[in-house]
């Protein structure tokens, strides 16, 4: 995306927070996970999808937050997230 293969770049349904990247222009989100009152903290313009809640499950993409840690890694409980 940094090389701008398209004139407009939109982030959708991956990470509900800002990418803080000047080359991502819009974030498609819902008003529950990305409240419009917080728009000032996003580098993207918010494209709020009406009547929607975009479910986000961090366990699908972040192996280290699963209950079963990688070999030798800390557990959620040892990090205080029991």
Protein backbone atom coordinates (compact mmCIF):
# COMPACT_ATOMS: atom_id res chain seq x y z
CA UNK A 1 0.00 0.00 0.00
CA UNK A 2 2.87 2.39 0.65
CA UNK A 3 3.68 2.37 -3.07
CA UNK A 4 0.09 3.52 -3.78
CA UNK A 5 -1.05 0.87 -6.28
CA UNK A 6 -4.51 2.45 -6.08
CA UNK A 7 -5.55 6.08 -5.63
CA UNK A 8 -7.56 5.24 -2.48
CA UNK A 9 -6.68 2.67 0.18
CA UNK A 10 -9.25 1.39 2.67
CA UNK A 11 -8.67 -0.80 5.70
CA UNK A 12 -11.57 -3.13 6.46
CA UNK A 13 -12.39 -5.70 9.11
CA UNK A 14 -8.94 -6.65 10.21
CA UNK A 15 -7.73 -4.33 12.91
CA UNK A 16 -10.35 -1.91 14.30
CA UNK A 17 -7.77 0.68 15.33
CA UNK A 18 -5.81 3.16 13.28
CA UNK A 19 -3.01 1.95 11.06
CA UNK A 20 -1.31 5.34 11.60
CA UNK A 21 -0.14 5.17 8.02
CA UNK A 22 -0.56 8.16 5.71
CA UNK A 23 -1.15 5.85 2.74
CA UNK A 24 -4.32 4.28 4.25
CA UNK A 25 -7.05 6.82 3.55
CA UNK A 26 -10.19 5.26 5.02
CA UNK A 27 -11.15 2.78 7.74
CA UNK A 28 -14.45 0.97 7.21
CA UNK A 29 -15.78 0.42 10.70
CA UNK A 30 -18.83 0.48 12.93
CA UNK A 31 -19.73 3.07 15.55
CA UNK A 32 -19.35 0.56 18.40
CA UNK A 33 -15.73 -0.56 17.90
CA UNK A 34 -14.70 2.77 16.36
CA UNK A 35 -16.75 5.54 18.02
CA UNK A 36 -17.06 8.68 15.89
CA UNK A 37 -16.06 10.73 18.96
CA UNK A 38 -12.57 9.21 18.65
CA UNK A 39 -12.12 10.13 14.97
CA UNK A 40 -9.47 12.71 15.91
CA UNK A 41 -7.16 9.87 16.98
CA UNK A 42 -7.28 8.12 13.60
CA UNK A 43 -5.10 9.00 10.64
CA UNK A 44 -7.77 7.51 8.35
CA UNK A 45 -11.17 9.02 7.65
CA UNK A 46 -13.85 6.83 9.22
CA UNK A 47 -16.28 5.21 6.80
CA UNK A 48 -18.89 4.01 9.28
CA UNK A 49 -21.02 1.12 8.06
CA UNK A 50 -24.59 1.71 9.33
CA UNK A 51 -26.55 -0.88 11.34
CA UNK A 52 -23.44 -3.02 11.77
CA UNK A 53 -21.18 -4.48 14.41
CA UNK A 54 -17.96 -5.79 12.87
CA UNK A 55 -16.88 -8.64 15.10
CA UNK A 56 -13.18 -8.78 15.90
CA UNK A 57 -11.55 -11.93 17.27
CA UNK A 58 -7.89 -11.35 18.11
CA UNK A 59 -7.34 -15.08 18.65
CA UNK A 60 -7.70 -15.76 14.93
CA UNK A 61 -4.67 -13.73 13.90
CA UNK A 62 -2.52 -13.47 17.02
CA UNK A 63 -1.16 -16.85 18.04
CA UNK A 64 0.54 -15.46 21.16
CA UNK A 65 -2.76 -14.56 22.82
CA UNK A 66 -4.17 -18.07 22.72
CA UNK A 67 -4.58 -19.92 26.03
CA UNK A 68 -2.00 -22.49 24.90
CA UNK A 69 1.31 -20.62 24.58
CA UNK A 70 3.98 -21.45 22.04
CA UNK A 71 6.70 -23.73 23.42
CA UNK A 72 8.46 -21.91 26.25
CA UNK A 73 6.24 -18.83 25.95
CA UNK A 74 4.29 -17.15 28.75
CA UNK A 75 0.69 -18.12 29.45
CA UNK A 76 -2.13 -15.59 29.58
CA UNK A 77 -2.37 -16.22 33.33
CA UNK A 78 1.33 -15.51 33.88
CA UNK A 79 0.84 -12.16 32.14
CA UNK A 80 -2.13 -11.32 34.36
CA UNK A 81 -4.85 -12.01 31.77
CA UNK A 82 -6.45 -15.06 33.39
